[in-house]
Amino acid sequence: MKRGASRRTPASEKLVRREAVTAGMVRLEGGLFAMGSENFYPEERPVRKVVVDGFWIDPTPVTNAQFDRFVSATGYRTVAEDPISVDDYQGLDLATTEAGSLVFESPTGLVTLDDYGAWWHFAVGASWRHPRGAGSNLDGLGDHPVVHIALRDAEAYARWAGKSLPTEAEWEYAARGGRPASEYAWGDELAPGGAVMANYWRGRFPISRLNANEWDRTSPVGFFPANDFGLFDMIGNVWEWTSDWYGEGAAPRSCCVASNPRGGRKHDSFAPESDTKIPRKVIKGGSHLCAENYCQRYRPAARHPQAIDSSTSHIGFRCIVRG
């Protein structure tokens, strides 16, 4: 170093790194909002007062192109790309241990809405690179949300990018877009004036769909209008992982204000009807498979449990930076 030259301080280096990481993200100052809803599903109750601190958030879900850059830089392999380990599922009769993921396929005839197996099937070879199974590819899908993402995959990308997954409260605050009492990210009507505001299933799920565009699965990020915070696809398109363990009945009392709340406890997140003890996290936002006759979870308050080892053709994620 030349005499008289100044050495950059750790604080300034940290600021430079923060600016690089948050480039292109949206800054939210945080604040008080009403979390939850009384009008749809029991797990969304009660409506309670919550305050979150400020944070930065990706304006869209992570895309295939962005995830490809991560994989190219690190050589990372997703959960769906690795064969299933029998040791992880002792006592279960596994149909296959080959690598793959769950893919939606519309049934050819009438089915009951509690028969999930009528439209979900495990596709050998399905992964983020092959979203519809072996033989499919990402041609023309670079700006679509990456799917077939398990929790470990989302966390790995977030670490690489210098970011984190949002808590459920942070995610819901962002999705509401400054409309603290509205049922939808844009107001209280699903389709105001007939306008389609998000990529959700229009028609009779799971057998018929009315499309206002050319996409019958994911759509390009940013195709539908942003909310009032400038965030796209917070509703519909793909479900998004949060960092909170799923729990029911763990919400604070409606009389109190919770500051930066976290979800349930890991050991309470297991599905009570399942013999396998796979913990579950909260996913938010609904997807292109949510419909008026099934899973009306294309709303900020909606929430759903997802096993951390599972990936599907309708789950992705976005990241935040706190502070």
Protein backbone atom coordinates (compact mmCIF):
# COMPACT_ATOMS: atom_id res chain seq x y z
CA MET A 1 0.00 0.00 0.00
CA LYS A 2 1.31 3.43 -0.90
CA ARG A 3 2.10 5.84 1.89
CA GLY A 4 -0.91 8.00 2.64
CA ALA A 5 -3.39 5.62 1.02
CA SER A 6 -6.40 4.91 3.22
CA ARG A 7 -7.45 1.38 4.04
CA ARG A 8 -11.17 0.67 3.67
CA THR A 9 -12.71 0.14 7.08
CA PRO A 10 -14.64 -3.04 7.91
CA ALA A 11 -17.81 -0.94 8.23
CA SER A 12 -17.48 0.47 4.74
CA GLU A 13 -16.66 -2.97 3.33
CA LYS A 14 -19.80 -4.30 4.97
CA LEU A 15 -21.82 -1.47 3.42
CA VAL A 16 -20.42 -2.25 -0.03
CA ARG A 17 -21.28 -5.93 0.37
CA ARG A 18 -24.80 -5.05 1.56
CA GLU A 19 -25.32 -2.78 -1.43
CA ALA A 20 -24.17 -5.53 -3.80
CA VAL A 21 -26.44 -8.13 -2.20
CA THR A 22 -29.52 -5.89 -2.12
CA ALA A 23 -29.13 -4.55 -5.66
CA GLY A 24 -32.44 -5.04 -7.43
CA MET A 25 -34.32 -5.85 -4.22
CA VAL A 26 -37.19 -3.81 -2.79
CA ARG A 27 -36.77 -2.07 0.56
CA LEU A 28 -39.69 -2.37 3.00
CA GLU A 29 -39.56 -0.25 6.13
CA GLY A 30 -41.70 -2.65 8.14
CA GLY A 31 -44.51 -1.74 10.46
CA LEU A 32 -47.75 -2.86 12.08
CA PHE A 33 -50.32 -4.98 10.25
CA ALA A 34 -53.19 -7.40 10.87
CA MET A 35 -51.93 -10.93 10.26
CA GLY A 36 -54.33 -13.74 9.44
CA SER A 37 -57.94 -13.96 8.34
CA GLU A 38 -61.23 -15.02 9.94
CA ASN A 39 -62.99 -15.71 6.64
CA PHE A 40 -61.35 -18.78 5.10
CA TYR A 41 -59.41 -21.58 6.81
CA PRO A 42 -59.09 -22.32 10.56
CA GLU A 43 -55.27 -22.27 10.54
CA GLU A 44 -55.33 -18.59 9.54
CA ARG A 45 -57.09 -17.57 12.77
CA PRO A 46 -57.10 -15.46 14.83
CA VAL A 47 -56.42 -12.12 13.18
CA ARG A 48 -53.70 -10.59 15.35
CA LYS A 49 -51.58 -7.45 15.49
CA VAL A 50 -48.03 -7.99 14.31
CA VAL A 51 -45.11 -5.64 13.76
CA VAL A 52 -42.06 -6.49 11.66
CA ASP A 53 -38.78 -4.64 11.30
CA GLY A 54 -37.59 -3.34 7.95
CA PHE A 55 -36.03 -5.66 5.37
CA TRP A 56 -35.16 -6.02 1.71
CA ILE A 57 -37.04 -8.54 -0.43
CA ASP A 58 -36.69 -9.98 -3.91
CA PRO A 59 -39.32 -8.41 -6.20
CA THR A 60 -40.06 -11.81 -7.77
CA PRO A 61 -39.63 -15.48 -6.94
CA VAL A 62 -36.20 -16.84 -7.81
CA THR A 63 -36.22 -17.76 -11.49
CA ASN A 64 -34.78 -20.70 -13.38
CA ALA A 65 -32.10 -18.42 -14.82
CA GLN A 66 -31.09 -17.17 -11.36
CA PHE A 67 -31.01 -20.68 -9.91
CA ASP A 68 -28.95 -21.86 -12.88
CA ARG A 69 -26.30 -19.24 -12.06
CA PHE A 70 -26.16 -20.56 -8.49
CA VAL A 71 -25.79 -24.16 -9.64
CA SER A 72 -23.18 -23.22 -12.24
CA ALA A 73 -21.14 -21.40 -9.59
CA THR A 74 -21.36 -24.07 -6.90
CA GLY A 75 -22.14 -27.42 -8.52
CA TYR A 76 -25.08 -27.79 -6.14
CA ARG A 77 -27.45 -30.75 -6.56
CA THR A 78 -31.04 -30.39 -5.40
CA VAL A 79 -32.92 -32.90 -3.27
CA ALA A 80 -34.94 -34.01 -6.30
CA GLU A 81 -31.77 -34.83 -8.23
CA ASP A 82 -30.44 -37.28 -5.65
CA PRO A 83 -31.73 -40.83 -5.24
CA ILE A 84 -33.85 -41.42 -2.15
CA SER A 85 -31.97 -42.89 0.80
CA VAL A 86 -33.77 -45.88 2.29
CA ASP A 87 -32.11 -45.08 5.63
CA ASP A 88 -34.10 -41.85 5.78
CA TYR A 89 -37.42 -43.69 5.45
CA GLN A 90 -36.97 -46.85 7.46
CA GLY A 91 -40.13 -48.90 7.80
CA LEU A 92 -41.75 -47.48 4.66
CA ASP A 93 -42.43 -49.48 1.53
CA LEU A 94 -41.00 -47.13 -1.07
CA ALA A 95 -42.29 -47.59 -4.61
CA THR A 96 -38.95 -46.35 -5.94
CA THR A 97 -35.72 -44.88 -4.65
CA GLU A 98 -34.87 -43.23 -7.96
CA ALA A 99 -34.36 -39.49 -8.10
CA GLY A 100 -37.44 -37.46 -8.96
CA SER A 101 -40.16 -35.19 -7.70
CA LEU A 102 -43.94 -34.71 -7.61
CA VAL A 103 -45.51 -33.43 -10.82
CA PHE A 104 -49.09 -32.26 -11.39
CA GLU A 105 -51.02 -33.88 -14.23
CA SER A 106 -54.68 -33.08 -14.80
CA PRO A 107 -56.93 -36.17 -14.53
CA THR A 108 -58.78 -37.30 -17.63
CA GLY A 109 -62.09 -37.73 -15.79
CA LEU A 110 -64.04 -36.66 -12.73
CA VAL A 111 -62.37 -37.18 -9.37
CA THR A 112 -63.11 -36.26 -5.77
CA LEU A 113 -61.22 -33.29 -4.38
CA ASP A 114 -59.77 -35.28 -1.48
CA ASP A 115 -58.05 -37.73 -3.84
CA TYR A 116 -54.68 -35.99 -4.19
CA GLY A 117 -53.19 -38.99 -5.92
CA ALA A 118 -55.50 -38.38 -8.87
CA TRP A 119 -53.40 -35.40 -9.97
CA TRP A 120 -50.05 -35.75 -8.20
CA HIS A 121 -47.59 -38.41 -9.26
CA PHE A 122 -43.94 -39.05 -8.52
CA ALA A 123 -42.07 -38.53 -11.79
CA VAL A 124 -38.65 -40.16 -12.03
CA GLY A 125 -36.19 -37.61 -13.36
CA ALA A 126 -38.32 -34.57 -12.47
CA SER A 127 -36.26 -31.72 -11.04
CA TRP A 128 -35.74 -28.01 -11.47
CA ARG A 129 -33.99 -28.79 -14.78
CA HIS A 130 -36.82 -31.08 -15.92
CA PRO A 131 -40.01 -29.56 -14.45
CA ARG A 132 -42.45 -31.98 -16.09
CA GLY A 133 -40.26 -35.06 -15.69
CA ALA A 134 -37.47 -36.75 -17.60
CA GLY A 135 -37.40 -35.50 -21.17
CA SER A 136 -38.72 -32.03 -20.34
CA ASN A 137 -36.45 -29.01 -20.22
CA LEU A 138 -36.27 -25.30 -19.43
CA ASP A 139 -36.52 -24.02 -22.99
CA GLY A 140 -38.38 -20.71 -22.84
CA LEU A 141 -38.68 -20.92 -19.04
CA GLY A 142 -35.67 -18.89 -17.93
CA ASP A 143 -37.89 -16.14 -16.52
CA HIS A 144 -40.33 -18.56 -14.84
CA PRO A 145 -40.04 -19.38 -11.12
CA VAL A 146 -37.75 -22.29 -10.36
CA VAL A 147 -39.75 -25.27 -9.04
CA HIS A 148 -39.08 -28.69 -7.52
CA ILE A 149 -37.31 -26.88 -4.71
CA ALA A 150 -37.11 -28.52 -1.27
CA LEU A 151 -36.32 -26.47 1.82
CA ARG A 152 -32.64 -27.44 1.77
CA ASP A 153 -32.34 -26.16 -1.79
CA ALA A 154 -33.92 -22.79 -1.01
CA GLU A 155 -31.69 -22.36 2.04
CA ALA A 156 -28.57 -23.25 0.05
CA TYR A 157 -29.37 -20.64 -2.62
CA ALA A 158 -30.11 -18.02 0.04
CA ARG A 159 -26.76 -18.59 1.78
CA TRP A 160 -24.90 -18.37 -1.53
CA ALA A 161 -26.67 -15.11 -2.35
CA GLY A 162 -26.01 -13.64 1.12
CA LYS A 163 -29.72 -13.64 1.89
CA SER A 164 -32.28 -15.50 4.01
CA LEU A 165 -35.74 -16.97 3.69
CA PRO A 166 -38.47 -14.74 5.13
CA THR A 167 -40.44 -15.57 8.24
CA GLU A 168 -44.14 -16.11 7.73
CA ALA A 169 -44.87 -12.68 9.22
CA GLU A 170 -42.33 -10.95 6.97
CA TRP A 171 -43.71 -12.73 3.93
CA GLU A 172 -47.33 -11.84 4.75
CA TYR A 173 -46.46 -8.21 5.47
CA ALA A 174 -44.79 -7.99 2.06
CA ALA A 175 -47.66 -9.74 0.27
CA ARG A 176 -50.25 -7.37 1.70
CA GLY A 177 -48.53 -4.44 0.03
CA GLY A 178 -49.67 -1.89 2.59
CA ARG A 179 -53.30 -3.09 2.55
CA PRO A 180 -53.44 -4.42 6.11
CA ALA A 181 -57.12 -5.48 6.12
CA SER A 182 -57.65 -6.68 2.53
CA GLU A 183 -58.24 -10.35 1.74
CA TYR A 184 -56.19 -10.22 -1.46
CA ALA A 185 -52.91 -8.52 -2.28
CA TRP A 186 -54.81 -5.97 -4.40
CA GLY A 187 -58.05 -5.49 -2.41
CA ASP A 188 -61.13 -7.45 -1.38
CA GLU A 189 -62.19 -8.84 -4.77
CA LEU A 190 -60.51 -11.80 -6.39
CA ALA A 191 -60.98 -10.43 -9.91
CA PRO A 192 -61.84 -6.71 -9.64
CA GLY A 193 -63.81 -5.68 -12.70
CA GLY A 194 -63.07 -9.10 -14.19
CA ALA A 195 -59.30 -8.48 -14.24
CA VAL A 196 -57.08 -11.51 -13.66
CA MET A 197 -54.55 -10.32 -11.08
CA ALA A 198 -52.50 -13.48 -10.53
CA ASN A 199 -51.72 -16.90 -11.93
CA TYR A 200 -54.28 -19.14 -10.25
CA TRP A 201 -56.55 -21.90 -11.59
CA ARG A 202 -59.58 -20.42 -13.30
CA GLY A 203 -62.12 -23.11 -14.02
CA ARG A 204 -63.01 -26.40 -12.40
CA PHE A 205 -59.99 -27.84 -10.63
CA PRO A 206 -58.41 -30.25 -11.48
CA ILE A 207 -60.00 -31.14 -14.83
CA SER A 208 -60.69 -27.92 -16.75
CA ARG A 209 -58.94 -24.59 -16.85
CA LEU A 210 -59.80 -21.30 -18.52
CA ASN A 211 -56.61 -19.50 -19.50
CA ALA A 212 -56.30 -15.79 -20.07
CA ASN A 213 -52.76 -16.42 -21.33
CA GLU A 214 -50.64 -19.15 -22.85
CA TRP A 215 -49.40 -20.69 -19.58
CA ASP A 216 -51.16 -23.65 -18.03
CA ARG A 217 -48.52 -24.00 -15.31
CA THR A 218 -46.05 -21.35 -14.16
CA SER A 219 -46.00 -17.94 -15.81
CA PRO A 220 -43.07 -15.56 -16.33
CA VAL A 221 -42.35 -13.61 -13.16
CA GLY A 222 -43.72 -10.10 -13.38
CA PHE A 223 -46.37 -10.95 -15.97
CA PHE A 224 -49.21 -10.07 -13.57
CA PRO A 225 -49.47 -6.70 -11.78
CA ALA A 226 -47.24 -5.92 -8.81
CA ASN A 227 -48.77 -5.14 -5.43
CA ASP A 228 -48.49 -1.67 -3.94
CA PHE A 229 -44.99 -2.47 -2.64
CA GLY A 230 -43.82 -3.23 -6.17
CA LEU A 231 -43.63 -6.99 -5.56
CA PHE A 232 -44.69 -9.49 -8.21
CA ASP A 233 -46.25 -12.94 -7.88
CA MET A 234 -46.72 -12.80 -4.12
CA ILE A 235 -50.04 -14.46 -4.92
CA GLY A 236 -50.36 -17.48 -7.20
CA ASN A 237 -47.79 -18.84 -9.66
CA VAL A 238 -45.79 -20.86 -7.07
CA TRP A 239 -45.96 -21.49 -3.37
CA GLU A 240 -42.99 -19.98 -1.52
CA TRP A 241 -40.99 -21.37 1.39
CA THR A 242 -40.67 -19.48 4.66
CA SER A 243 -38.27 -20.15 7.52
CA ASP A 244 -41.02 -20.84 10.09
CA TRP A 245 -41.99 -24.27 11.40
CA TYR A 246 -45.65 -24.99 10.83
CA GLY A 247 -47.87 -24.95 13.89
CA GLU A 248 -51.54 -24.59 14.68
CA GLY A 249 -52.86 -22.83 17.73
CA ALA A 250 -49.52 -21.13 18.37
CA ALA A 251 -50.65 -17.67 17.31
CA PRO A 252 -50.49 -14.86 19.89
CA ARG A 253 -53.70 -13.59 21.42
CA SER A 254 -55.55 -11.07 19.25
CA CYS A 255 -55.36 -8.46 22.01
CA CYS A 256 -51.57 -8.21 21.92
CA VAL A 257 -48.97 -6.96 19.48
CA ALA A 258 -46.34 -9.51 18.48
CA SER A 259 -42.96 -8.17 17.40
CA ASN A 260 -41.19 -10.14 14.65
CA PRO A 261 -42.98 -13.38 15.57
CA ARG A 262 -41.72 -16.80 14.60
CA GLY A 263 -43.77 -19.88 13.88
CA GLY A 264 -44.32 -23.08 15.80
CA ARG A 265 -41.74 -25.49 17.16
CA LYS A 266 -40.05 -28.14 15.07
CA HIS A 267 -41.32 -31.07 17.13
CA ASP A 268 -44.89 -29.76 16.82
CA SER A 269 -44.70 -29.49 13.04
CA PHE A 270 -45.09 -33.19 12.22
CA ALA A 271 -48.28 -34.23 10.42
CA PRO A 272 -50.46 -35.86 13.11
CA GLU A 273 -51.93 -38.43 10.69
CA SER A 274 -48.55 -39.59 9.37
CA ASP A 275 -46.33 -42.36 10.68
CA THR A 276 -43.24 -40.62 9.30
CA LYS A 277 -41.76 -37.87 11.44
CA ILE A 278 -40.78 -35.38 8.75
CA PRO A 279 -40.89 -31.79 10.06
CA ARG A 280 -42.86 -29.22 8.07
CA LYS A 281 -42.38 -25.54 7.31
CA VAL A 282 -44.94 -22.90 6.34
CA ILE A 283 -45.34 -22.14 2.66
CA LYS A 284 -47.26 -19.08 1.51
CA GLY A 285 -49.00 -17.49 -1.46
CA GLY A 286 -50.78 -20.34 -3.20
CA SER A 287 -49.94 -21.37 -6.74
CA HIS A 288 -51.28 -21.82 -10.25
CA LEU A 289 -53.20 -24.82 -8.87
CA CYS A 290 -55.32 -22.87 -6.36
CA ALA A 291 -58.92 -22.41 -7.51
CA GLU A 292 -62.24 -21.06 -6.29
CA ASN A 293 -63.51 -24.64 -5.92
CA TYR A 294 -60.30 -25.91 -4.33
CA CYS A 295 -57.58 -24.46 -2.09
CA GLN A 296 -58.50 -20.77 -2.02
CA ARG A 297 -55.04 -19.94 -0.75
CA TYR A 298 -54.15 -17.24 -3.27
CA ARG A 299 -54.24 -14.73 -0.40
CA PRO A 300 -51.65 -13.13 1.91
CA ALA A 301 -53.13 -14.72 5.05
CA ALA A 302 -53.23 -18.23 3.61
CA ARG A 303 -50.70 -20.76 4.86
CA HIS A 304 -49.97 -24.42 4.33
CA PRO A 305 -47.60 -27.01 5.85
CA GLN A 306 -44.95 -28.56 3.61
CA ALA A 307 -42.61 -31.41 4.51
CA ILE A 308 -39.05 -30.12 4.32
CA ASP A 309 -37.82 -33.10 2.27
CA SER A 310 -40.48 -32.72 -0.43
CA SER A 311 -40.42 -30.88 -3.73
CA THR A 312 -43.18 -30.40 -6.27
CA SER A 313 -43.85 -28.73 -9.60
CA HIS A 314 -45.54 -25.77 -7.86
CA ILE A 315 -43.17 -24.80 -5.01
CA GLY A 316 -40.45 -22.16 -5.28
CA PHE A 317 -39.13 -19.34 -3.08
CA ARG A 318 -37.83 -15.78 -2.80
CA CYS A 319 -35.30 -14.25 -0.43
CA ILE A 320 -34.91 -11.31 1.94
CA VAL A 321 -32.12 -9.38 3.64
CA ARG A 322 -32.86 -8.09 7.13
CA GLY A 323 -31.72 -4.80 8.54
